[in-house]
Amino acid sequence: MGTVVMYSSVSVDGFVADDNDQPGPLFDWLSGGDVPLDESGEVKVSQTSYDYTRPYWDQIGVTVVGRHVFDLTDGWDGKPPSGIDHVVVVTHRPAPEGWDPDAPFHFVDGVEAAVTTAQELAGDRIVEVAAGDVGGQVLAAGLVDEVRMDVVPVVFGSGKRYFGSVHAQHLLAGPDVVIQGNRVLHLRYRVRR
């Protein structure tokens, strides 16, 4: 089975979006460089961020998100973001009316079922879990192997928390990766078991 990674860009004070679900400057580092990170040419980062991010993106087989993120993005028009093969959506509701049944999106009830489905689809590739409420639930269920965050120098003060509504203590090792990019600090922590 592939590694389960909780991931997002995050403010210094631990938020993945503001109170209005807006990321504000959290993704500015994805346009603050001169090295294209994907084929679109719109996402450009520093060489240091490219050397860290591109190999990670290339290993992702499946992303797990909540229905809220799915709805906010309009389901990426049925095409998983960043070249990912599949998206697993944690939801108690069915796919939207008129949704293309051939789109590589899988609607699953509960985080345990979502991770199981994602691991089956990903094989030995990474299962990425979006930080926030669903990511926090996956962490609380003991299913996260590592936490990756791209820390951006901004303070939101309030908003959507990186670890969602997790209230219990979870010990992380490391960090075993600390890389300074252009207006971003890339961090990776293993989850201690």
C-alpha atoms as a PDB file:
ATOM      1  CA  MET A   1       0.000   0.000   0.000  1.00  0.00           C
ATOM      2  CA  GLY A   2       1.101   3.528  -0.693  1.00  0.00           C
ATOM      3  CA  THR A   3       1.853   6.128   1.930  1.00  0.00           C
ATOM      4  CA  VAL A   4      -1.095   8.204   3.173  1.00  0.00           C
ATOM      5  CA  VAL A   5      -0.074  11.873   3.248  1.00  0.00           C
ATOM      6  CA  MET A   6      -2.064  14.766   4.710  1.00  0.00           C
ATOM      7  CA  TYR A   7      -1.163  17.865   2.703  1.00  0.00           C
ATOM      8  CA  SER A   8      -1.920  21.523   2.023  1.00  0.00           C
ATOM      9  CA  SER A   9      -0.452  24.986   1.899  1.00  0.00           C
ATOM     10  CA  VAL A  10      -1.029  26.624   5.281  1.00  0.00           C
ATOM     11  CA  SER A  11      -0.697  29.997   6.991  1.00  0.00           C
ATOM     12  CA  VAL A  12       1.853  30.412   9.765  1.00  0.00           C
ATOM     13  CA  ASP A  13      -1.017  30.299  12.266  1.00  0.00           C
ATOM     14  CA  GLY A  14      -2.383  27.012  10.893  1.00  0.00           C
ATOM     15  CA  PHE A  15      -5.198  27.845   8.467  1.00  0.00           C
ATOM     16  CA  VAL A  16      -5.813  26.443   4.960  1.00  0.00           C
ATOM     17  CA  ALA A  17      -8.431  29.070   4.087  1.00  0.00           C
ATOM     18  CA  ASP A  18     -10.020  32.150   5.595  1.00  0.00           C
ATOM     19  CA  ASP A  19     -13.521  32.291   7.102  1.00  0.00           C
ATOM     20  CA  ASN A  20     -14.968  32.639   3.575  1.00  0.00           C
ATOM     21  CA  ASP A  21     -13.177  29.519   2.245  1.00  0.00           C
ATOM     22  CA  GLN A  22     -10.700  31.677   0.336  1.00  0.00           C
ATOM     23  CA  PRO A  23      -7.004  30.676   0.301  1.00  0.00           C
ATOM     24  CA  GLY A  24      -5.839  34.289  -0.092  1.00  0.00           C
ATOM     25  CA  PRO A  25      -2.061  34.325  -0.551  1.00  0.00           C
ATOM     26  CA  LEU A  26      -1.547  30.649   0.367  1.00  0.00           C
ATOM     27  CA  PHE A  27      -0.903  29.702  -3.261  1.00  0.00           C
ATOM     28  CA  ASP A  28       1.151  32.759  -4.244  1.00  0.00           C
ATOM     29  CA  TRP A  29       4.315  30.648  -4.030  1.00  0.00           C
ATOM     30  CA  LEU A  30       2.908  28.643  -6.960  1.00  0.00           C
ATOM     31  CA  SER A  31       3.259  31.686  -9.193  1.00  0.00           C
ATOM     32  CA  GLY A  32       6.292  33.337  -7.620  1.00  0.00           C
ATOM     33  CA  GLY A  33       9.042  31.583  -9.542  1.00  0.00           C
ATOM     34  CA  ASP A  34      10.280  30.962 -13.054  1.00  0.00           C
ATOM     35  CA  VAL A  35      10.249  27.143 -13.267  1.00  0.00           C
ATOM     36  CA  PRO A  36       6.999  25.631 -14.651  1.00  0.00           C
ATOM     37  CA  LEU A  37       5.629  23.034 -12.230  1.00  0.00           C
ATOM     38  CA  ASP A  38       3.159  21.531 -14.696  1.00  0.00           C
ATOM     39  CA  GLU A  39       2.346  21.444 -18.403  1.00  0.00           C
ATOM     40  CA  SER A  40      -0.005  24.452 -18.201  1.00  0.00           C
ATOM     41  CA  GLY A  41       2.908  26.824 -17.687  1.00  0.00           C
ATOM     42  CA  GLU A  42       0.690  28.839 -15.343  1.00  0.00           C
ATOM     43  CA  VAL A  43       2.146  27.328 -12.178  1.00  0.00           C
ATOM     44  CA  LYS A  44       5.721  28.544 -11.776  1.00  0.00           C
ATOM     45  CA  VAL A  45       7.856  28.090  -8.692  1.00  0.00           C
ATOM     46  CA  SER A  46      11.452  28.491  -7.614  1.00  0.00           C
ATOM     47  CA  GLN A  47      13.881  25.740  -8.598  1.00  0.00           C
ATOM     48  CA  THR A  48      14.082  24.685  -4.951  1.00  0.00           C
ATOM     49  CA  SER A  49      10.288  24.307  -4.705  1.00  0.00           C
ATOM     50  CA  TYR A  50      10.202  22.477  -8.044  1.00  0.00           C
ATOM     51  CA  ASP A  51      12.853  19.984  -6.885  1.00  0.00           C
ATOM     52  CA  TYR A  52      10.752  19.219  -3.794  1.00  0.00           C
ATOM     53  CA  THR A  53       7.203  19.438  -5.183  1.00  0.00           C
ATOM     54  CA  ARG A  54       7.418  17.838  -8.651  1.00  0.00           C
ATOM     55  CA  PRO A  55       8.684  14.429  -7.430  1.00  0.00           C
ATOM     56  CA  TYR A  56       5.962  14.423  -4.759  1.00  0.00           C
ATOM     57  CA  TRP A  57       3.222  15.268  -7.284  1.00  0.00           C
ATOM     58  CA  ASP A  58       4.510  12.524  -9.588  1.00  0.00           C
ATOM     59  CA  GLN A  59       4.011   9.924  -6.834  1.00  0.00           C
ATOM     60  CA  ILE A  60       0.372  10.823  -6.045  1.00  0.00           C
ATOM     61  CA  GLY A  61      -2.133   8.294  -7.337  1.00  0.00           C
ATOM     62  CA  VAL A  62      -5.287   9.401  -5.524  1.00  0.00           C
ATOM     63  CA  THR A  63      -6.447  12.465  -3.635  1.00  0.00           C
ATOM     64  CA  VAL A  64      -9.073  12.267  -0.883  1.00  0.00           C
ATOM     65  CA  VAL A  65     -11.218  15.372  -0.352  1.00  0.00           C
ATOM     66  CA  GLY A  66     -14.434  16.234   1.409  1.00  0.00           C
ATOM     67  CA  ARG A  67     -17.661  17.094  -0.364  1.00  0.00           C
ATOM     68  CA  HIS A  68     -17.188  20.736   0.613  1.00  0.00           C
ATOM     69  CA  VAL A  69     -13.930  20.998  -1.374  1.00  0.00           C
ATOM     70  CA  PHE A  70     -15.493  19.058  -4.235  1.00  0.00           C
ATOM     71  CA  ASP A  71     -18.397  21.516  -4.349  1.00  0.00           C
ATOM     72  CA  LEU A  72     -16.129  24.591  -4.033  1.00  0.00           C
ATOM     73  CA  THR A  73     -14.100  23.453  -7.059  1.00  0.00           C
ATOM     74  CA  ASP A  74     -17.123  22.281  -9.050  1.00  0.00           C
ATOM     75  CA  GLY A  75     -15.493  18.854  -9.059  1.00  0.00           C
ATOM     76  CA  TRP A  76     -12.659  20.210 -11.204  1.00  0.00           C
ATOM     77  CA  ASP A  77     -15.060  19.731 -14.127  1.00  0.00           C
ATOM     78  CA  GLY A  78     -14.629  15.961 -13.782  1.00  0.00           C
ATOM     79  CA  LYS A  79     -10.846  16.043 -14.287  1.00  0.00           C
ATOM     80  CA  PRO A  80      -8.673  15.335 -11.226  1.00  0.00           C
ATOM     81  CA  PRO A  81      -6.249  18.200 -10.503  1.00  0.00           C
ATOM     82  CA  SER A  82      -2.507  18.129 -11.203  1.00  0.00           C
ATOM     83  CA  GLY A  83      -2.572  14.950 -13.271  1.00  0.00           C
ATOM     84  CA  ILE A  84      -3.813  12.773 -10.411  1.00  0.00           C
ATOM     85  CA  ASP A  85      -5.526   9.556 -11.542  1.00  0.00           C
ATOM     86  CA  HIS A  86      -8.502   9.474  -9.140  1.00  0.00           C
ATOM     87  CA  VAL A  87     -10.293  11.579  -6.533  1.00  0.00           C
ATOM     88  CA  VAL A  88     -12.161  10.004  -3.636  1.00  0.00           C
ATOM     89  CA  VAL A  89     -14.837  12.281  -2.199  1.00  0.00           C
ATOM     90  CA  VAL A  90     -15.948  11.743   1.401  1.00  0.00           C
ATOM     91  CA  THR A  91     -19.664  12.483   1.462  1.00  0.00           C
ATOM     92  CA  HIS A  92     -23.018  11.302   2.737  1.00  0.00           C
ATOM     93  CA  ARG A  93     -24.647  12.517  -0.487  1.00  0.00           C
ATOM     94  CA  PRO A  94     -24.645  10.895  -3.931  1.00  0.00           C
ATOM     95  CA  ALA A  95     -22.761  12.307  -6.913  1.00  0.00           C
ATOM     96  CA  PRO A  96     -24.327  15.525  -8.227  1.00  0.00           C
ATOM     97  CA  GLU A  97     -27.196  15.158 -10.651  1.00  0.00           C
ATOM     98  CA  GLY A  98     -25.884  14.880 -14.204  1.00  0.00           C
ATOM     99  CA  TRP A  99     -22.377  13.906 -13.019  1.00  0.00           C
ATOM    100  CA  ASP A 100     -20.425  11.915 -15.635  1.00  0.00           C
ATOM    101  CA  PRO A 101     -20.307   8.347 -14.243  1.00  0.00           C
ATOM    102  CA  ASP A 102     -17.079   7.726 -16.192  1.00  0.00           C
ATOM    103  CA  ALA A 103     -15.205  10.567 -14.442  1.00  0.00           C
ATOM    104  CA  PRO A 104     -12.507   9.133 -12.126  1.00  0.00           C
ATOM    105  CA  PHE A 105     -14.271  10.353  -8.976  1.00  0.00           C
ATOM    106  CA  HIS A 106     -15.484   7.974  -6.276  1.00  0.00           C
ATOM    107  CA  PHE A 107     -18.110   9.071  -3.731  1.00  0.00           C
ATOM    108  CA  VAL A 108     -17.636   7.259  -0.416  1.00  0.00           C
ATOM    109  CA  ASP A 109     -19.360   7.525   2.966  1.00  0.00           C
ATOM    110  CA  GLY A 110     -16.783   7.896   5.771  1.00  0.00           C
ATOM    111  CA  VAL A 111     -13.034   8.444   6.012  1.00  0.00           C
ATOM    112  CA  GLU A 112     -12.100   4.810   6.687  1.00  0.00           C
ATOM    113  CA  ALA A 113     -13.915   3.671   3.523  1.00  0.00           C
ATOM    114  CA  ALA A 114     -12.376   6.587   1.623  1.00  0.00           C
ATOM    115  CA  VAL A 115      -8.815   5.621   2.578  1.00  0.00           C
ATOM    116  CA  THR A 116      -9.482   1.942   1.793  1.00  0.00           C
ATOM    117  CA  THR A 117     -10.877   2.856  -1.635  1.00  0.00           C
ATOM    118  CA  ALA A 118      -8.015   5.295  -2.269  1.00  0.00           C
ATOM    119  CA  GLN A 119      -5.363   2.716  -1.351  1.00  0.00           C
ATOM    120  CA  GLU A 120      -6.938   0.143  -3.671  1.00  0.00           C
ATOM    121  CA  LEU A 121      -6.924   2.663  -6.527  1.00  0.00           C
ATOM    122  CA  ALA A 122      -3.423   4.013  -5.779  1.00  0.00           C
ATOM    123  CA  GLY A 123      -1.630   0.698  -5.355  1.00  0.00           C
ATOM    124  CA  ASP A 124       1.890   1.577  -4.230  1.00  0.00           C
ATOM    125  CA  ARG A 125       1.502   5.277  -5.112  1.00  0.00           C
ATOM    126  CA  ILE A 126       0.768   8.007  -2.563  1.00  0.00           C
ATOM    127  CA  VAL A 127      -2.726   8.614  -1.244  1.00  0.00           C
ATOM    128  CA  GLU A 128      -2.954  12.350  -0.636  1.00  0.00           C
ATOM    129  CA  VAL A 129      -5.557  13.553   1.859  1.00  0.00           C
ATOM    130  CA  ALA A 130      -6.525  17.211   1.705  1.00  0.00           C
ATOM    131  CA  ALA A 131      -5.888  18.967   5.008  1.00  0.00           C
ATOM    132  CA  GLY A 132      -8.882  20.450   6.801  1.00  0.00           C
ATOM    133  CA  ASP A 133     -11.871  18.669   8.305  1.00  0.00           C
ATOM    134  CA  VAL A 134     -11.518  15.433   6.312  1.00  0.00           C
ATOM    135  CA  GLY A 135      -7.744  15.361   6.789  1.00  0.00           C
ATOM    136  CA  GLY A 136      -8.206  15.842  10.523  1.00  0.00           C
ATOM    137  CA  GLN A 137     -10.699  12.971  10.618  1.00  0.00           C
ATOM    138  CA  VAL A 138      -8.273  10.701   8.754  1.00  0.00           C
ATOM    139  CA  LEU A 139      -5.495  11.672  11.196  1.00  0.00           C
ATOM    140  CA  ALA A 140      -7.785  11.051  14.196  1.00  0.00           C
ATOM    141  CA  ALA A 141      -8.614   7.600  12.760  1.00  0.00           C
ATOM    142  CA  GLY A 142      -4.893   6.753  12.785  1.00  0.00           C
ATOM    143  CA  LEU A 143      -4.694   6.428   8.995  1.00  0.00           C
ATOM    144  CA  VAL A 144      -2.154   9.177   8.154  1.00  0.00           C
ATOM    145  CA  ASP A 145       1.505   8.160   7.678  1.00  0.00           C
ATOM    146  CA  GLU A 146       2.964  11.626   7.158  1.00  0.00           C
ATOM    147  CA  VAL A 147       2.010  15.289   7.263  1.00  0.00           C
ATOM    148  CA  ARG A 148       3.304  17.644   4.584  1.00  0.00           C
ATOM    149  CA  MET A 149       2.705  21.357   4.681  1.00  0.00           C
ATOM    150  CA  ASP A 150       3.826  24.318   2.634  1.00  0.00           C
ATOM    151  CA  VAL A 151       3.951  27.100   5.228  1.00  0.00           C
ATOM    152  CA  VAL A 152       3.323  30.540   3.749  1.00  0.00           C
ATOM    153  CA  PRO A 153       4.340  33.737   5.603  1.00  0.00           C
ATOM    154  CA  VAL A 154       0.850  35.077   6.324  1.00  0.00           C
ATOM    155  CA  VAL A 155      -1.290  35.179   9.460  1.00  0.00           C
ATOM    156  CA  PHE A 156      -5.043  34.687   8.914  1.00  0.00           C
ATOM    157  CA  GLY A 157      -6.160  34.991  12.546  1.00  0.00           C
ATOM    158  CA  SER A 158      -9.131  32.698  11.898  1.00  0.00           C
ATOM    159  CA  GLY A 159     -10.509  30.424   9.219  1.00  0.00           C
ATOM    160  CA  LYS A 160     -10.411  26.770   8.234  1.00  0.00           C
ATOM    161  CA  ARG A 161      -7.856  24.928  10.360  1.00  0.00           C
ATOM    162  CA  TYR A 162      -5.191  22.688   8.787  1.00  0.00           C
ATOM    163  CA  PHE A 163      -6.078  19.841  11.152  1.00  0.00           C
ATOM    164  CA  GLY A 164      -9.813  20.552  11.074  1.00  0.00           C
ATOM    165  CA  SER A 165     -11.560  19.904  14.361  1.00  0.00           C
ATOM    166  CA  VAL A 166      -8.999  17.473  15.785  1.00  0.00           C
ATOM    167  CA  HIS A 167      -8.913  17.969  19.538  1.00  0.00           C
ATOM    168  CA  ALA A 168      -6.734  15.054  20.634  1.00  0.00           C
ATOM    169  CA  GLN A 169      -2.946  15.120  20.735  1.00  0.00           C
ATOM    170  CA  HIS A 170      -1.086  13.425  17.873  1.00  0.00           C
ATOM    171  CA  LEU A 171       2.687  13.109  18.007  1.00  0.00           C
ATOM    172  CA  LEU A 172       4.726  13.749  14.886  1.00  0.00           C
ATOM    173  CA  ALA A 173       8.386  12.886  14.350  1.00  0.00           C
ATOM    174  CA  GLY A 174      10.975  15.165  12.801  1.00  0.00           C
ATOM    175  CA  PRO A 175      10.522  17.217  10.753  1.00  0.00           C
ATOM    176  CA  ASP A 176      12.599  15.082   8.418  1.00  0.00           C
ATOM    177  CA  VAL A 177      12.338  17.594   5.543  1.00  0.00           C
ATOM    178  CA  VAL A 178      12.707  21.364   5.885  1.00  0.00           C
ATOM    179  CA  ILE A 179      13.174  23.240   2.606  1.00  0.00           C
ATOM    180  CA  GLN A 180      13.075  27.004   2.162  1.00  0.00           C
ATOM    181  CA  GLY A 181      11.480  28.035  -1.140  1.00  0.00           C
ATOM    182  CA  ASN A 182      10.472  31.467  -2.424  1.00  0.00           C
ATOM    183  CA  ARG A 183       7.950  32.711   0.207  1.00  0.00           C
ATOM    184  CA  VAL A 184       7.217  29.149   1.337  1.00  0.00           C
ATOM    185  CA  LEU A 185       8.685  26.667   3.787  1.00  0.00           C
ATOM    186  CA  HIS A 186       8.172  23.015   2.789  1.00  0.00           C
ATOM    187  CA  LEU A 187       7.888  20.704   5.801  1.00  0.00           C
ATOM    188  CA  ARG A 188       7.390  16.963   6.151  1.00  0.00           C
ATOM    189  CA  TYR A 189       6.668  15.096   9.369  1.00  0.00           C
ATOM    190  CA  ARG A 190       6.169  11.360   9.899  1.00  0.00           C
ATOM    191  CA  VAL A 191       3.281  10.465  12.175  1.00  0.00           C
ATOM    192  CA  ARG A 192       4.493   8.662  15.278  1.00  0.00           C
ATOM    193  CA  ARG A 193       2.585   5.508  16.114  1.00  0.00           C
END
